[in-house]
Protein backbone atom coordinates (compact mmCIF):
# COMPACT_ATOMS: atom_id res chain seq x y z
CA MET A 1 0.00 0.00 0.00
CA ILE A 2 0.96 3.65 -0.22
CA PHE A 3 0.92 5.08 3.27
CA LEU A 4 0.14 8.82 3.10
CA SER A 5 0.94 10.46 6.39
CA GLY A 6 -1.86 12.72 7.53
CA VAL A 7 -3.76 13.18 4.24
CA ASN A 8 -7.17 12.39 5.71
CA ASN A 9 -6.55 14.43 8.86
CA PHE A 10 -5.20 17.28 6.74
CA LEU A 11 -8.38 17.38 4.65
CA ARG A 12 -10.72 17.09 7.64
CA GLU A 13 -8.89 19.78 9.62
CA SER A 14 -8.71 22.12 6.64
CA VAL A 15 -12.36 21.74 5.67
CA SER A 16 -13.55 22.17 9.24
CA GLY A 17 -14.91 25.69 9.65
CA GLN A 18 -14.34 26.48 5.98
CA GLU A 19 -17.43 24.90 4.43
CA SER A 20 -19.41 28.12 4.09
CA GLY A 21 -19.52 28.82 0.37
CA CYS A 22 -17.38 25.76 -0.42
CA ASP A 23 -18.88 23.73 -3.26
CA HIS A 24 -15.94 21.44 -4.00
CA ILE A 25 -12.21 21.13 -3.41
CA VAL A 26 -9.18 20.58 -5.64
CA LEU A 27 -6.26 18.53 -4.29
CA GLN A 28 -2.74 18.51 -5.73
CA VAL A 29 0.08 16.23 -4.58
CA LYS A 30 3.59 17.23 -5.68
CA GLN A 31 7.19 16.21 -5.20
CA GLY A 32 9.07 19.45 -5.62
CA SER A 33 7.84 20.96 -8.87
CA THR A 34 6.60 17.60 -10.20
CA LYS A 35 2.83 17.26 -10.01
CA ILE A 36 1.93 13.65 -9.23
CA PHE A 37 -1.81 13.90 -8.67
CA GLU A 38 -4.60 16.44 -9.12
CA ALA A 39 -8.34 15.87 -8.76
CA THR A 40 -11.58 17.60 -7.82
CA SER A 41 -13.95 16.16 -5.23
CA ARG A 42 -17.27 17.01 -3.61
CA LYS A 43 -17.95 15.94 -0.06
CA ILE A 44 -19.49 12.49 0.38
CA GLY A 45 -20.78 12.15 3.94
CA SER A 46 -17.88 13.29 6.14
CA TYR A 47 -15.09 12.73 3.62
CA TYR A 48 -13.67 13.83 0.30
CA GLU A 49 -12.71 10.87 -1.85
CA PHE A 50 -9.89 10.90 -4.41
CA PRO A 51 -9.94 7.60 -6.33
CA GLY A 52 -6.76 6.74 -8.19
CA MET A 53 -4.45 8.79 -5.96
CA ASP A 54 -2.69 5.75 -4.47
CA GLU A 55 -2.13 4.18 -7.89
CA LEU A 56 -0.56 7.31 -9.38
CA ILE A 57 1.71 7.86 -6.37
CA LYS A 58 2.71 4.18 -6.45
CA ALA A 59 3.58 4.43 -10.16
CA HIS A 60 5.65 7.57 -9.45
CA MET A 61 7.58 5.82 -6.67
CA LEU A 62 8.21 2.66 -8.71
CA GLN A 63 9.39 4.65 -11.72
CA ASN A 64 11.81 6.67 -9.59
CA ASN A 65 12.86 3.86 -7.20
CA LEU A 66 11.56 5.76 -4.16
CA SER A 67 10.94 4.20 -0.75
CA VAL A 68 10.04 7.37 1.13
CA PHE A 69 9.68 10.91 -0.12
CA SER A 70 8.40 14.26 1.05
CA ALA A 71 5.30 15.48 -0.79
CA SER A 72 3.37 18.70 -0.60
CA ALA A 73 -0.41 18.44 -0.56
CA VAL A 74 -2.17 21.60 -1.71
CA TYR A 75 -5.90 21.97 -1.11
CA PHE A 76 -8.07 24.56 -2.83
CA PRO A 77 -11.66 25.05 -1.55
CA CYS A 78 -13.77 26.43 -4.40
CA ASP A 79 -17.23 27.96 -4.61
CA ALA A 80 -19.93 26.90 -7.07
CA SER A 81 -18.48 29.11 -9.83
CA GLY A 82 -15.06 27.45 -9.45
CA CYS A 83 -13.36 30.40 -7.75
CA GLN A 84 -10.89 29.55 -4.98
CA VAL A 85 -12.09 30.41 -1.48
CA ASP A 86 -8.70 29.78 0.14
CA THR A 87 -5.51 27.71 -0.16
CA TYR A 88 -3.97 25.27 2.34
CA THR A 89 -0.64 23.45 2.05
CA LYS A 90 0.93 20.72 4.15
CA THR A 91 4.11 18.66 3.81
CA LEU A 92 3.48 14.93 3.98
CA ALA A 93 5.79 11.94 4.37
CA VAL A 94 4.87 9.26 1.84
CA ILE A 95 6.16 5.73 2.40
CA TYR A 96 5.88 2.82 -0.03
CA THR A 97 5.19 -0.26 2.04
CA GLY A 98 3.49 -3.62 1.97
CA ALA A 99 3.75 -3.82 5.74
CA GLU A 100 0.55 -4.49 7.64
CA LEU A 101 -0.12 -1.64 10.05
CA ARG A 102 -2.44 -2.46 12.94
CA LYS A 103 -3.49 1.17 13.38
CA PRO A 104 -2.62 2.99 10.15
CA GLY A 105 -4.73 5.98 11.15
CA THR A 106 -2.65 6.64 14.25
CA LEU A 107 0.84 5.89 12.91
CA THR A 108 2.23 8.45 10.48
CA ALA A 109 4.68 7.48 7.76
CA ASP A 110 7.62 9.38 9.26
CA VAL A 111 6.99 7.77 12.67
CA PHE A 112 6.70 4.34 11.03
CA ALA A 113 10.04 4.81 9.25
CA SER A 114 11.68 6.00 12.48
CA VAL A 115 10.78 2.69 14.15
CA TYR A 116 11.86 0.31 11.37
CA PHE A 117 14.68 0.02 8.90
CA LEU A 118 13.40 -0.20 5.31
CA THR A 119 13.14 -3.98 5.52
CA HIS A 120 10.60 -6.45 6.88
CA TYR A 121 13.28 -8.53 8.54
CA LYS A 122 15.18 -8.38 11.81
CA SER A 123 18.20 -10.33 10.57
CA ALA A 124 20.01 -11.53 7.44
CA TRP A 125 22.88 -13.65 6.20
CA THR A 126 25.89 -12.31 4.36
CA THR A 127 29.44 -13.44 3.60
CA PRO A 128 32.81 -12.01 4.72
CA SER A 129 33.44 -10.67 1.21
CA GLU A 130 30.20 -8.66 1.17
CA SER A 131 29.56 -5.12 2.36
CA TYR A 132 25.94 -5.19 3.49
CA LEU A 133 23.88 -2.03 2.93
CA LEU A 134 21.11 -1.52 5.49
CA ASN A 135 18.48 0.90 4.16
CA TYR A 136 16.80 3.51 6.32
CA TYR A 137 14.80 6.73 6.28
CA ALA A 138 15.49 9.51 8.78
CA ALA A 139 13.72 12.85 9.07
CA SER A 140 16.94 14.34 10.49
CA ASN A 141 20.51 13.19 11.16
CA GLU A 142 20.66 10.25 13.58
CA ASN A 143 23.52 8.41 15.29
CA TYR A 144 23.87 4.66 14.89
CA THR A 145 25.91 1.94 16.60
CA ILE A 146 27.37 -1.28 15.18
CA VAL A 147 28.35 -3.94 17.75
CA ARG A 148 30.39 -6.77 16.21
CA THR A 149 30.88 -10.13 17.94
CA PHE A 150 33.94 -12.26 17.17
CA LYS A 151 34.69 -15.98 17.33
CA ASP A 152 36.43 -15.66 20.71
CA GLY A 153 33.36 -13.98 22.23
CA THR A 154 34.80 -10.47 22.34
CA THR A 155 32.93 -7.49 20.91
CA ALA A 156 33.83 -4.20 19.24
CA THR A 157 31.61 -1.13 18.96
CA ALA A 158 31.65 1.39 16.12
CA THR A 159 29.51 4.51 15.80
CA GLY A 160 28.49 6.79 12.96
CA THR A 161 25.94 9.35 11.84
CA ALA A 162 23.16 8.57 9.37
CA THR A 163 22.30 11.60 7.28
CA ALA A 164 18.72 12.76 6.88
CA GLY A 165 16.68 11.29 4.05
CA THR A 166 16.71 7.84 2.48
CA SER A 167 20.13 6.17 2.42
CA SER A 168 21.95 3.10 3.78
CA ILE A 169 24.42 2.11 6.50
CA PRO A 170 27.34 -0.01 5.20
CA VAL A 171 28.21 -2.95 7.46
CA ASN A 172 31.63 -4.40 6.63
CA TYR A 173 33.25 -7.64 7.77
CA LEU A 174 36.19 -7.63 10.17
CA THR A 175 38.50 -10.63 10.65
CA ASP A 176 36.88 -13.44 12.70
CA CYS A 177 33.61 -11.52 12.98
CA VAL A 178 30.52 -13.76 13.27
CA SER A 179 27.74 -11.19 13.68
CA ALA A 180 26.97 -7.48 13.81
CA VAL A 181 24.03 -5.75 15.50
CA VAL A 182 23.07 -2.35 14.09
CA THR A 183 21.04 0.01 16.27
CA MET A 184 19.69 3.41 15.22
CA GLY A 185 17.12 4.92 17.56
CA SER A 186 14.55 2.18 18.17
CA ARG A 187 15.56 0.30 14.99
CA THR A 188 17.59 -2.91 15.38
CA PHE A 189 19.01 -5.32 12.82
CA THR A 190 21.33 -8.34 13.17
CA LEU A 191 23.69 -9.49 10.43
CA TYR A 192 25.29 -12.96 10.48
CA PHE A 193 28.54 -13.55 8.56
CA LEU A 194 28.70 -17.02 7.03
CA ASP A 195 31.74 -18.43 5.28
CA ILE A 196 29.90 -20.09 2.38
CA ASP A 197 31.94 -21.60 -0.45
CA ILE A 198 29.05 -21.95 -2.89
CA ALA A 199 26.61 -19.08 -2.48
CA GLU A 200 24.00 -17.30 -4.53
CA ARG A 201 23.79 -13.52 -4.21
CA PHE A 202 20.70 -11.56 -5.24
CA GLN A 203 19.33 -8.06 -4.89
CA PHE A 204 15.62 -7.30 -5.06
CA ARG A 205 13.15 -4.47 -4.49
CA ASN A 206 11.51 -5.30 -1.18
CA ALA A 207 8.16 -4.29 0.28
CA PHE A 208 9.49 -0.74 0.80
CA ASN A 209 10.75 -0.55 -2.79
CA ALA A 210 14.29 -0.48 -1.35
CA LEU A 211 17.06 -2.59 -2.89
CA GLU A 212 17.77 -5.46 -0.49
CA SER A 213 20.57 -8.05 -0.61
CA VAL A 214 20.14 -11.75 0.09
CA VAL A 215 22.83 -14.46 0.25
CA PHE A 216 22.22 -18.19 0.58
CA PRO A 217 24.02 -21.49 -0.22
CA ALA A 218 22.81 -23.24 -3.34
CA ALA A 219 23.63 -25.60 -6.18
CA THR A 220 22.96 -24.25 -9.67
CA THR A 221 22.47 -25.61 -13.16
CA GLU A 222 22.71 -23.26 -16.15
CA ALA A 223 21.06 -24.11 -19.47
CA PRO A 224 21.85 -21.58 -22.21
CA LYS A 225 19.68 -21.55 -25.31
CA THR A 226 20.73 -19.55 -28.35
CA GLU A 227 18.39 -18.37 -31.10
CA TYR A 228 19.53 -16.66 -34.28
CA GLU A 229 18.79 -15.98 -37.93
CA THR A 230 21.01 -17.14 -40.80
CA ALA A 231 21.80 -15.71 -44.20
CA GLN A 232 24.13 -16.76 -46.97
CA GLN A 233 26.66 -14.21 -48.15
CA GLU A 234 29.12 -15.05 -50.94
CA ASN A 235 28.49 -18.75 -50.44
CA VAL A 236 29.20 -18.46 -46.68
CA LEU A 237 26.45 -19.05 -44.15
CA GLN A 238 26.42 -16.26 -41.54
CA ARG A 239 24.59 -15.90 -38.22
CA TYR A 240 23.00 -12.65 -37.14
CA ASP A 241 20.44 -11.26 -34.66
CA ILE A 242 21.77 -13.66 -32.03
CA GLU A 243 19.82 -13.94 -28.79
CA GLU A 244 20.76 -16.04 -25.77
CA GLN A 245 18.21 -17.16 -23.22
CA LEU A 246 20.04 -18.34 -20.13
CA GLU A 247 17.85 -20.38 -17.81
CA VAL A 248 19.20 -21.13 -14.33
CA LYS A 249 17.87 -23.74 -11.93
CA ILE A 250 18.75 -23.23 -8.26
CA GLN A 251 18.28 -25.56 -5.31
CA THR A 252 19.28 -24.82 -1.73
CA PRO A 253 20.24 -27.15 1.08
CA PRO A 254 17.95 -27.12 4.16
CA LEU A 255 17.47 -23.51 5.28
CA PRO A 256 16.49 -21.97 8.64
CA GLU A 257 12.93 -20.77 9.07
CA PHE A 258 13.88 -17.07 9.23
CA MET A 259 15.14 -17.22 5.62
CA ARG A 260 11.80 -18.37 4.22
CA GLN A 261 10.01 -15.01 4.18
CA THR A 262 13.03 -13.20 2.75
CA LEU A 263 13.35 -15.62 -0.15
CA LEU A 264 9.60 -15.68 -0.77
CA ASP A 265 9.61 -11.88 -0.98
CA MET A 266 12.51 -12.08 -3.43
CA CYS A 267 10.61 -14.53 -5.63
CA ARG A 268 7.55 -12.23 -5.59
CA SER A 269 9.45 -9.00 -6.14
CA HIS A 270 8.82 -6.85 -9.22
CA TYR A 271 12.59 -6.40 -9.69
CA VAL A 272 15.34 -8.98 -9.03
CA GLU A 273 19.06 -8.99 -9.85
CA ARG A 274 21.53 -11.88 -9.65
CA LEU A 275 25.26 -11.51 -9.07
CA ASP A 276 26.72 -12.45 -12.43
CA SER A 277 30.42 -12.24 -11.66
CA TYR A 278 32.53 -11.70 -8.59
CA ARG A 279 36.22 -11.30 -7.77
CA ALA A 280 37.62 -10.67 -4.29
CA GLY A 281 40.81 -8.69 -3.87
CA SER A 282 41.85 -5.18 -3.08
CA THR A 283 38.61 -4.16 -4.77
CA ASN A 284 35.47 -6.18 -5.25
CA TYR A 285 34.21 -6.69 -8.77
CA GLN A 286 30.46 -7.20 -8.93
CA VAL A 287 28.09 -7.33 -11.87
CA TYR A 288 24.41 -7.70 -11.05
CA SER A 289 22.11 -8.59 -13.95
CA PRO A 290 18.28 -8.31 -13.93
CA VAL A 291 16.49 -11.66 -13.95
CA ILE A 292 12.93 -12.96 -14.13
CA ILE A 293 11.98 -15.67 -11.65
CA LYS A 294 9.78 -17.95 -13.74
CA GLU A 295 8.76 -20.44 -11.08
CA TYR A 296 9.66 -21.42 -7.55
CA LYS A 297 8.83 -24.06 -4.96
CA PHE A 298 9.31 -23.41 -1.27
CA ASP A 299 6.94 -25.73 0.54
CA LYS A 300 6.50 -25.54 4.29
CA SER A 301 5.41 -28.61 6.22
CA ASN A 302 4.40 -29.16 9.83
CA GLU A 303 6.04 -32.58 9.71
CA PRO A 304 8.94 -32.81 12.18
CA ASN A 305 12.43 -32.69 10.67
CA LYS A 306 11.01 -31.79 7.23
CA PRO A 307 13.75 -29.70 5.54
CA LEU A 308 12.94 -26.27 4.18
CA VAL A 309 14.37 -26.23 0.64
CA LEU A 310 13.97 -23.62 -2.10
CA GLU A 311 13.84 -24.61 -5.75
CA LEU A 312 13.57 -21.88 -8.36
CA THR A 313 14.03 -21.32 -12.07
CA LEU A 314 15.06 -17.95 -13.42
CA GLN A 315 15.85 -16.41 -16.77
CA TYR A 316 17.99 -13.38 -17.55
CA SER A 317 15.99 -10.36 -18.64
CA ASN A 318 18.55 -9.28 -21.22
CA THR A 319 18.67 -11.79 -24.06
CA LYS A 320 21.66 -10.04 -25.66
CA ARG A 321 24.20 -10.54 -22.88
CA ASN A 322 27.95 -10.06 -22.99
CA SER A 323 30.16 -12.39 -21.00
CA ALA A 324 31.65 -10.86 -17.88
CA ILE A 325 35.44 -10.69 -18.17
CA GLU A 326 37.79 -10.74 -15.21
CA PHE A 327 41.33 -9.43 -15.54
CA GLY A 328 43.70 -11.11 -13.13
C-alpha cells in the first residue's frame, strides 16, 4: 500500500470551519515541482474521496525507485463558480510499504520509518566478502551503533551518523567476525557472517521498494539456449540477430525458518538482480544482472524434521548478454 501520512486528517482539519460557500475542493500532490496527482472532489458524507491517488503515487515511486519521499499536498476550496475560497498546504511523508499496520490511522509514515529500517526482517545472512547495505529513512541526522561479535566472544563497537533522508548504512566484515548488531534509535538489525563456499547472491526491491541483498548457499544448473537468424553471403552461411536465453535452476540445502520469508519476498518482487560475476581482492568486482523468476517451490510442512528447501528457475531479462570478463 501507499501510506500517506496525515492526508485524511489534513483534509478534515482544513475543511472544518471552511465549508461556508465551499462547493468542492481541488487537491494537488507534488514532489518538488513535479505534479503527481490532481483531482476535484465534492464531499461524500464526512469525507472527500480521491480515487486513483494511491495508484498514481505508487507508479511515481516505482518509476523513480523511491521508498520514502516528502510530498506537498495543496488543497483549494472552491465555490460553485469554481473560484478559490482559500488555499492550504501541508508537507506529507509518503512511504511505499506492503507492511501491515495495525493502526494505520494513528501511525504516520515518518513515525513508522523512524521505528523500522526499510526492511521487513530483523536479521540476514551475508558473507565475509560482502559489504551489506542496510536501508533507512530519517527525518533528520541520527547516530547509529554497530556492535560486532567475534569468534572468541569479544565485541567491538563502532559509531556513525546517518544523514537525513533515504540512504543506507554499510556494514563491513572484520577478521573473525561472526555477527553485527546495528542500532539506530529504536531500529535494530542483526547481520550474520557465514563463510559459504558456494553461495548465490541476489538483490531485489523489497516491500518498501528499497534494494535489499540476500545471500544463501545453493547448487545451480545453467542451461543456455541460443536463437539466431542465418543468411548466406558469398556462399558463406552467416549468423545474425543472435539472442541467448540463459535459464538457471537453483536448489538450496535445508534452510532456517527465518530465511523463508526473505526468499519468498525475493521470488515475488517486481525487480530482481543476480550476481553475475565476482572477484575478491583489493577491490570487489560485482556485476548484477536483472532476472525474471519464472517459477519457484518453497513448501513448508508441519512434519517434524522436514527440511525447508527452495527450488527456483530464473531467466535473464537481457537476451543479448555479454560475458563478464575478469582481468587477473
